[in-house]
Amino acid sequence: MGMLEAPHDALFRAVFRHAVHAASWLRSLLPAPVGAVIAWRTLAPAPAAAHGMHLRRQEADLVFTARLAGACDLVLVVEHKHDADADLHGQLLRYVVHLRRAFARRGRGVPPLVVPVVLHHGTAPLPAPAPHPHLAALPAAAASALAALQPQLAFVGDDLAAEPEREPWRPALTPFAQLGLLCLHGLPRRLPDQVLAAFDRWQDLLRAVDRSDDPPGGRDAIEAIGWYALAASEVPAADLSEAFARILRRPEDTIMSTLERTYQKGKAEGRAEGRNEGRNEGRTEGRTEGRNEGRAEALLRQIARRFGPPADDVVARVRAASLAELDRWTDRILEAATLAELLAD
């Protein structure tokens, strides 16, 4: 996973791990006859045991269960993709086979119905299934016949890359679901002025999210949106803070918390210290050491704000962590319920 992908995954999970937002989004995607037989109030994240150790769970994957008419289970497996993935169809096929077996073992031996859903918001359209490379060496008739016999898996796709922003934009979704998808689609690689202009266009949604009592709560939802804007673009924290204060009509210091400020500061400190060390002791080593130190100090400030001052052993562990560990823990800071959950391997 690249450095830019982690913020996408964090925002996606911050929004759609909550059933109320996931239900509004999934209901808008599924065929109407299917949506009509789902008891949407029963939609819930799947028990962790259902994933099993053999399911390669990426950070953005979500699995939900719901009840259908007739009291049978439906499993929805959701995959989030920012970039094109040539193995997407094979990956989904593996997920579905595993989940059917896992739920069958937990039930009465009858596998549940499974619906794969893919959210894609890269710059290129969602890729079509790639033909097996061995087929190219065969006569056309044999290749066609064998292609028809290969495992196939249909899925429900939501390709944001193919959908222009318009007004109103997906009014059936909750405000947080709408705003989360708009941010995923509209903020990466944008210039600061474009990011600020986007939030001006979305100001009604931003205010609705701020007032909402739906989980994770208005203030926490605004924090997740602000964190993502800073992580996915180069918009200055001070400018974003001022824009949010103006749009939400409350003091600036209640908008952009220490989390957003220190995350951005940590990235800048890491880059600067890495450059300095690189000039003195070798460019690669210096950049890594400086980036780790800046990210570690930023994360420690975030931990203090979220869970209280950390113990000495926690401070030592964070400061000694690798960049991959720091990335993983930073991604979790918005949603971890406890310090132990945040720092779990």
Protein backbone atom coordinates (compact mmCIF):
# COMPACT_ATOMS: atom_id res chain seq x y z
CA MET A 1 0.00 0.00 0.00
CA GLY A 2 1.45 3.38 -1.02
CA MET A 3 1.74 6.36 1.26
CA LEU A 4 -1.12 8.09 -0.55
CA GLU A 5 -3.46 5.10 -0.28
CA ALA A 6 -3.55 4.89 3.52
CA PRO A 7 -5.62 8.08 3.97
CA HIS A 8 -8.16 6.84 1.39
CA ASP A 9 -8.59 3.59 3.28
CA ALA A 10 -8.84 5.38 6.63
CA LEU A 11 -11.62 7.70 5.46
CA PHE A 12 -13.48 4.90 3.70
CA ARG A 13 -13.53 2.83 6.89
CA ALA A 14 -14.30 5.82 9.10
CA VAL A 15 -17.50 6.35 7.11
CA PHE A 16 -18.70 2.95 5.98
CA ARG A 17 -17.86 0.74 8.94
CA HIS A 18 -20.99 2.31 10.48
CA ALA A 19 -24.12 0.46 9.36
CA VAL A 20 -26.28 3.59 9.03
CA HIS A 21 -23.98 5.05 6.36
CA ALA A 22 -23.20 1.73 4.71
CA ALA A 23 -26.92 0.91 4.44
CA SER A 24 -27.74 4.18 2.68
CA TRP A 25 -24.91 3.64 0.19
CA LEU A 26 -25.49 -0.08 -0.46
CA ARG A 27 -29.23 0.39 -0.84
CA SER A 28 -28.59 2.96 -3.57
CA LEU A 29 -26.38 0.50 -5.49
CA LEU A 30 -28.18 -2.83 -5.33
CA PRO A 31 -30.91 -3.73 -7.83
CA ALA A 32 -34.27 -2.53 -6.51
CA PRO A 33 -35.79 -6.04 -6.18
CA VAL A 34 -32.81 -7.10 -4.04
CA GLY A 35 -32.95 -4.00 -1.87
CA ALA A 36 -36.67 -4.56 -1.32
CA VAL A 37 -36.16 -7.95 0.40
CA ILE A 38 -33.29 -6.87 2.67
CA ALA A 39 -34.18 -5.98 6.27
CA TRP A 40 -31.88 -2.95 6.31
CA ARG A 41 -32.19 -2.45 10.05
CA THR A 42 -30.41 -5.77 10.51
CA LEU A 43 -27.34 -4.71 8.51
CA ALA A 44 -24.32 -5.09 10.77
CA PRO A 45 -20.56 -5.67 10.48
CA ALA A 46 -19.81 -9.36 10.21
CA PRO A 47 -18.37 -11.10 13.28
CA ALA A 48 -14.59 -11.06 13.20
CA ALA A 49 -14.48 -14.86 13.28
CA ALA A 50 -16.14 -14.96 9.89
CA HIS A 51 -13.08 -13.45 8.25
CA GLY A 52 -10.76 -16.22 9.36
CA MET A 53 -7.02 -16.19 9.13
CA HIS A 54 -7.01 -17.24 5.47
CA LEU A 55 -8.86 -14.16 4.20
CA ARG A 56 -6.23 -11.61 3.23
CA ARG A 57 -7.93 -8.56 4.68
CA GLN A 58 -6.73 -5.26 3.36
CA GLU A 59 -7.36 -2.21 5.48
CA ALA A 60 -10.30 -1.06 3.42
CA ASP A 61 -12.27 -4.35 3.26
CA LEU A 62 -15.62 -4.45 5.02
CA VAL A 63 -18.02 -7.37 5.44
CA PHE A 64 -21.67 -6.97 6.49
CA THR A 65 -24.52 -9.34 7.16
CA ALA A 66 -28.23 -8.68 6.81
CA ARG A 67 -31.44 -10.69 6.97
CA LEU A 68 -33.52 -11.40 3.90
CA ALA A 69 -37.20 -12.17 3.61
CA GLY A 70 -37.53 -15.81 4.63
CA ALA A 71 -35.07 -15.37 7.52
CA CYS A 72 -31.95 -16.30 5.55
CA ASP A 73 -28.64 -14.47 5.68
CA LEU A 74 -27.11 -12.21 3.07
CA VAL A 75 -23.39 -11.38 3.23
CA LEU A 76 -22.08 -8.24 1.54
CA VAL A 77 -18.32 -8.05 1.02
CA VAL A 78 -17.12 -4.54 0.17
CA GLU A 79 -13.80 -3.85 -1.51
CA HIS A 80 -12.41 -0.33 -1.84
CA LYS A 81 -9.97 0.47 -4.65
CA HIS A 82 -8.16 3.71 -5.37
CA ASP A 83 -5.94 2.39 -8.16
CA ALA A 84 -6.54 -0.16 -10.88
CA ASP A 85 -5.95 -3.74 -9.73
CA ALA A 86 -5.53 -6.38 -12.40
CA ASP A 87 -6.32 -9.11 -9.84
CA LEU A 88 -9.54 -7.50 -8.57
CA HIS A 89 -11.83 -10.21 -9.99
CA GLY A 90 -9.67 -13.05 -8.68
CA GLN A 91 -9.41 -11.35 -5.30
CA LEU A 92 -13.18 -11.04 -5.02
CA LEU A 93 -13.64 -14.65 -6.07
CA ARG A 94 -11.29 -15.78 -3.28
CA TYR A 95 -13.13 -13.62 -0.75
CA VAL A 96 -16.53 -14.97 -1.71
CA VAL A 97 -15.46 -18.63 -1.62
CA HIS A 98 -13.86 -18.15 1.80
CA LEU A 99 -16.81 -16.27 3.26
CA ARG A 100 -19.35 -18.82 2.06
CA ARG A 101 -17.36 -21.60 3.75
CA ALA A 102 -16.80 -19.60 6.93
CA PHE A 103 -20.47 -18.74 7.34
CA ALA A 104 -21.56 -22.27 6.44
CA ARG A 105 -19.38 -23.62 9.27
CA ARG A 106 -20.96 -21.14 11.69
CA GLY A 107 -24.49 -21.98 10.56
CA ARG A 108 -26.18 -25.22 9.59
CA GLY A 109 -23.94 -26.14 6.70
CA VAL A 110 -25.84 -24.08 4.13
CA PRO A 111 -23.68 -21.31 2.63
CA PRO A 112 -25.25 -17.85 2.60
CA LEU A 113 -25.94 -15.70 -0.39
CA VAL A 114 -22.98 -13.36 -0.99
CA VAL A 115 -22.95 -10.06 -2.88
CA PRO A 116 -19.56 -8.48 -3.70
CA VAL A 117 -19.49 -4.67 -3.90
CA VAL A 118 -16.58 -2.58 -5.22
CA LEU A 119 -16.03 1.12 -4.64
CA HIS A 120 -13.55 2.58 -7.10
CA HIS A 121 -12.39 6.20 -7.24
CA GLY A 122 -9.18 6.19 -9.23
CA THR A 123 -8.47 8.37 -12.23
CA ALA A 124 -9.06 5.52 -14.70
CA PRO A 125 -12.32 3.57 -15.04
CA LEU A 126 -12.83 0.32 -13.18
CA PRO A 127 -10.98 -2.35 -15.19
CA ALA A 128 -12.76 -5.21 -16.95
CA PRO A 129 -11.70 -8.79 -16.23
CA ALA A 130 -8.41 -9.58 -17.95
CA PRO A 131 -8.34 -12.74 -20.12
CA HIS A 132 -6.09 -15.53 -18.92
CA PRO A 133 -2.67 -15.05 -20.57
CA HIS A 134 -2.48 -18.68 -21.68
CA LEU A 135 -5.53 -18.25 -23.91
CA ALA A 136 -3.58 -16.07 -26.32
CA ALA A 137 -1.47 -19.06 -27.42
CA LEU A 138 -4.49 -21.19 -28.36
CA PRO A 139 -6.62 -21.30 -31.51
CA ALA A 140 -9.50 -18.84 -31.35
CA ALA A 141 -12.24 -21.46 -31.03
CA ALA A 142 -10.47 -23.28 -28.19
CA ALA A 143 -9.63 -20.02 -26.45
CA SER A 144 -13.24 -18.88 -26.60
CA ALA A 145 -14.55 -22.19 -25.28
CA LEU A 146 -12.04 -22.30 -22.43
CA ALA A 147 -12.66 -18.64 -21.53
CA ALA A 148 -16.36 -19.43 -21.09
CA LEU A 149 -15.48 -22.21 -18.64
CA GLN A 150 -13.29 -20.10 -16.35
CA PRO A 151 -14.68 -19.04 -12.95
CA GLN A 152 -16.71 -15.87 -13.28
CA LEU A 153 -17.91 -13.52 -10.56
CA ALA A 154 -20.29 -10.64 -11.05
CA PHE A 155 -20.19 -7.75 -8.60
CA VAL A 156 -21.94 -4.48 -7.91
CA GLY A 157 -19.61 -1.63 -8.83
CA ASP A 158 -19.64 2.00 -7.76
CA ASP A 159 -17.15 3.75 -10.04
CA LEU A 160 -16.79 7.33 -8.85
CA ALA A 161 -14.28 7.98 -11.62
CA ALA A 162 -17.11 7.67 -14.14
CA GLU A 163 -19.55 9.94 -12.28
CA PRO A 164 -19.31 13.74 -12.53
CA GLU A 165 -20.10 15.86 -9.50
CA ARG A 166 -23.52 17.44 -9.81
CA GLU A 167 -26.22 18.99 -7.65
CA PRO A 168 -27.96 17.29 -5.91
CA TRP A 169 -25.41 14.48 -5.57
CA ARG A 170 -26.78 11.16 -4.29
CA PRO A 171 -29.45 12.62 -1.99
CA ALA A 172 -30.53 9.12 -0.83
CA LEU A 173 -27.26 8.73 1.10
CA THR A 174 -26.62 10.04 4.60
CA PRO A 175 -24.74 13.36 4.62
CA PHE A 176 -21.56 11.70 5.94
CA ALA A 177 -21.72 9.01 3.23
CA GLN A 178 -22.21 11.67 0.55
CA LEU A 179 -19.41 13.85 1.85
CA GLY A 180 -17.04 10.90 2.32
CA LEU A 181 -17.50 9.77 -1.28
CA LEU A 182 -17.16 13.32 -2.59
CA CYS A 183 -13.89 13.72 -0.70
CA LEU A 184 -12.49 10.42 -1.96
CA HIS A 185 -13.38 11.40 -5.51
CA GLY A 186 -12.67 15.13 -5.46
CA LEU A 187 -9.74 15.91 -3.15
CA PRO A 188 -6.69 13.75 -4.05
CA ARG A 189 -4.06 15.55 -6.12
CA ARG A 190 -6.04 18.82 -6.04
CA LEU A 191 -4.41 22.20 -5.52
CA PRO A 192 -5.13 24.01 -2.24
CA ASP A 193 -7.49 26.51 -3.89
CA GLN A 194 -9.40 23.64 -5.49
CA VAL A 195 -9.76 21.87 -2.14
CA LEU A 196 -11.11 25.00 -0.46
CA ALA A 197 -13.47 25.62 -3.38
CA ALA A 198 -14.75 22.06 -3.08
CA PHE A 199 -15.67 22.52 0.57
CA ASP A 200 -17.46 25.75 -0.34
CA ARG A 201 -19.55 23.75 -2.82
CA TRP A 202 -20.17 21.09 -0.17
CA GLN A 203 -20.88 23.48 2.70
CA ASP A 204 -24.49 22.35 3.18
CA LEU A 205 -23.29 18.75 3.52
CA LEU A 206 -20.49 19.78 5.85
CA ARG A 207 -22.95 21.56 8.15
CA ALA A 208 -25.34 18.59 8.03
CA VAL A 209 -22.52 16.23 9.05
CA ASP A 210 -21.50 18.57 11.87
CA ARG A 211 -25.06 18.59 13.27
CA SER A 212 -25.65 14.85 12.87
CA ASP A 213 -25.98 12.44 15.79
CA ASP A 214 -25.29 9.44 13.56
CA PRO A 215 -22.08 7.58 14.43
CA PRO A 216 -19.29 8.48 14.68
CA GLY A 217 -20.89 11.80 15.74
CA GLY A 218 -20.69 15.22 14.16
CA ARG A 219 -17.41 16.44 15.64
CA ASP A 220 -15.59 13.15 15.03
CA ALA A 221 -16.92 13.00 11.47
CA ILE A 222 -15.68 16.53 10.77
CA GLU A 223 -12.31 15.54 12.22
CA ALA A 224 -12.10 12.57 9.85
CA ILE A 225 -12.94 14.77 6.87
CA GLY A 226 -10.39 17.40 7.89
CA TRP A 227 -7.69 14.80 8.50
CA TYR A 228 -8.28 13.31 5.06
CA ALA A 229 -8.16 16.70 3.33
CA LEU A 230 -4.79 17.42 4.91
CA ALA A 231 -3.40 13.96 4.22
CA ALA A 232 -4.60 13.66 0.61
CA SER A 233 -3.77 17.16 -0.59
CA GLU A 234 -1.35 20.02 0.06
CA VAL A 235 -3.96 22.40 1.48
CA PRO A 236 -2.45 24.32 4.45
CA ALA A 237 -3.97 23.42 7.80
CA ALA A 238 -4.53 27.09 8.69
CA ASP A 239 -6.47 27.74 5.47
CA LEU A 240 -8.61 24.64 5.91
CA SER A 241 -9.26 25.52 9.55
CA GLU A 242 -10.40 29.02 8.57
CA ALA A 243 -12.69 27.64 5.86
CA PHE A 244 -14.27 25.10 8.22
CA ALA A 245 -14.79 27.77 10.88
CA ARG A 246 -16.53 30.02 8.37
CA ILE A 247 -18.72 27.25 6.96
CA LEU A 248 -19.62 25.70 10.32
CA ARG A 249 -19.99 29.09 12.02
CA ARG A 250 -18.06 28.27 15.14
CA PRO A 251 -14.66 29.30 16.46
CA GLU A 252 -11.66 28.10 14.52
CA ASP A 253 -9.97 26.46 17.51
CA THR A 254 -12.90 24.04 17.88
CA ILE A 255 -12.60 22.87 14.26
CA MET A 256 -9.12 21.61 13.52
CA SER A 257 -7.97 19.54 16.44
CA THR A 258 -4.47 18.64 17.45
CA LEU A 259 -4.84 15.51 15.31
CA GLU A 260 -4.96 17.34 12.00
CA ARG A 261 -2.37 19.94 12.96
CA THR A 262 0.17 17.48 14.31
CA TYR A 263 -0.29 14.97 11.50
CA GLN A 264 0.58 17.62 8.94
CA LYS A 265 3.38 19.01 11.10
CA GLY A 266 4.84 15.54 11.58
CA LYS A 267 4.97 14.94 7.85
CA ALA A 268 6.72 18.27 7.30
CA GLU A 269 9.19 17.67 10.14
CA GLY A 270 9.97 14.20 8.85
CA ARG A 271 10.68 15.47 5.35
CA ALA A 272 12.87 18.34 6.63
CA GLU A 273 14.86 16.23 9.08
CA GLY A 274 15.26 13.50 6.50
CA ARG A 275 16.74 15.96 4.02
CA ASN A 276 19.18 17.32 6.60
CA GLU A 277 20.33 13.88 7.69
CA GLY A 278 20.60 12.78 4.09
CA ARG A 279 23.05 15.55 3.32
CA ASN A 280 25.22 14.61 6.30
CA GLU A 281 25.04 10.82 6.52
CA GLY A 282 23.52 9.53 3.33
CA ARG A 283 20.29 10.63 1.66
CA THR A 284 18.22 7.47 2.07
CA GLU A 285 19.11 6.78 5.69
CA GLY A 286 18.58 10.40 6.71
CA ARG A 287 15.19 10.71 5.09
CA THR A 288 13.98 7.52 6.77
CA GLU A 289 15.28 8.49 10.21
CA GLY A 290 13.92 12.03 10.01
CA ARG A 291 10.55 10.90 8.71
CA ASN A 292 10.24 8.29 11.46
CA GLU A 293 11.11 10.79 14.17
CA GLY A 294 8.65 13.39 12.91
CA ARG A 295 5.85 10.87 12.50
CA ALA A 296 6.55 9.32 15.91
CA GLU A 297 6.33 12.67 17.72
CA ALA A 298 3.15 13.55 15.82
CA LEU A 299 1.59 10.21 16.75
CA LEU A 300 2.53 10.63 20.43
CA ARG A 301 0.74 13.99 20.48
CA GLN A 302 -2.31 12.37 18.90
CA ILE A 303 -2.24 9.55 21.48
CA ALA A 304 -2.05 12.06 24.34
CA ARG A 305 -5.08 13.91 23.00
CA ARG A 306 -7.14 10.75 22.40
CA PHE A 307 -6.16 8.52 25.35
CA GLY A 308 -4.28 10.75 27.79
CA PRO A 309 -0.53 11.07 28.38
CA PRO A 310 1.16 7.83 27.27
CA ALA A 311 3.28 5.73 29.64
CA ASP A 312 7.04 5.59 29.20
CA ASP A 313 6.94 2.15 27.58
CA VAL A 314 4.43 3.39 25.00
CA VAL A 315 6.60 6.42 24.23
CA ALA A 316 9.62 4.17 23.77
CA ARG A 317 7.72 1.77 21.54
CA VAL A 318 6.39 4.52 19.27
CA ARG A 319 9.78 6.21 18.96
CA ALA A 320 11.42 2.90 18.05
CA ALA A 321 8.72 1.92 15.52
CA SER A 322 9.31 1.45 11.82
CA LEU A 323 7.69 3.77 9.29
CA ALA A 324 5.23 1.01 8.34
CA GLU A 325 4.14 0.66 11.98
CA LEU A 326 3.76 4.42 12.34
CA ASP A 327 1.64 4.52 9.19
CA ARG A 328 -0.57 1.70 10.47
CA TRP A 329 -1.08 3.29 13.90
CA THR A 330 -1.73 6.74 12.43
CA ASP A 331 -4.43 5.26 10.19
CA ARG A 332 -6.12 3.72 13.26
CA ILE A 333 -6.08 6.82 15.47
CA LEU A 334 -9.50 8.00 14.31
CA GLU A 335 -11.32 4.80 15.18
CA ALA A 336 -9.39 2.77 17.77
CA ALA A 337 -11.44 2.48 20.95
CA THR A 338 -8.47 1.86 23.25
CA LEU A 339 -4.72 2.38 23.25
CA ALA A 340 -4.22 -1.39 23.15
CA GLU A 341 -6.38 -1.62 20.03
CA LEU A 342 -4.44 1.22 18.42
CA LEU A 343 -1.05 -0.46 18.96
CA ALA A 344 -2.14 -4.04 18.28
CA ASP A 345 0.00 -5.94 15.77
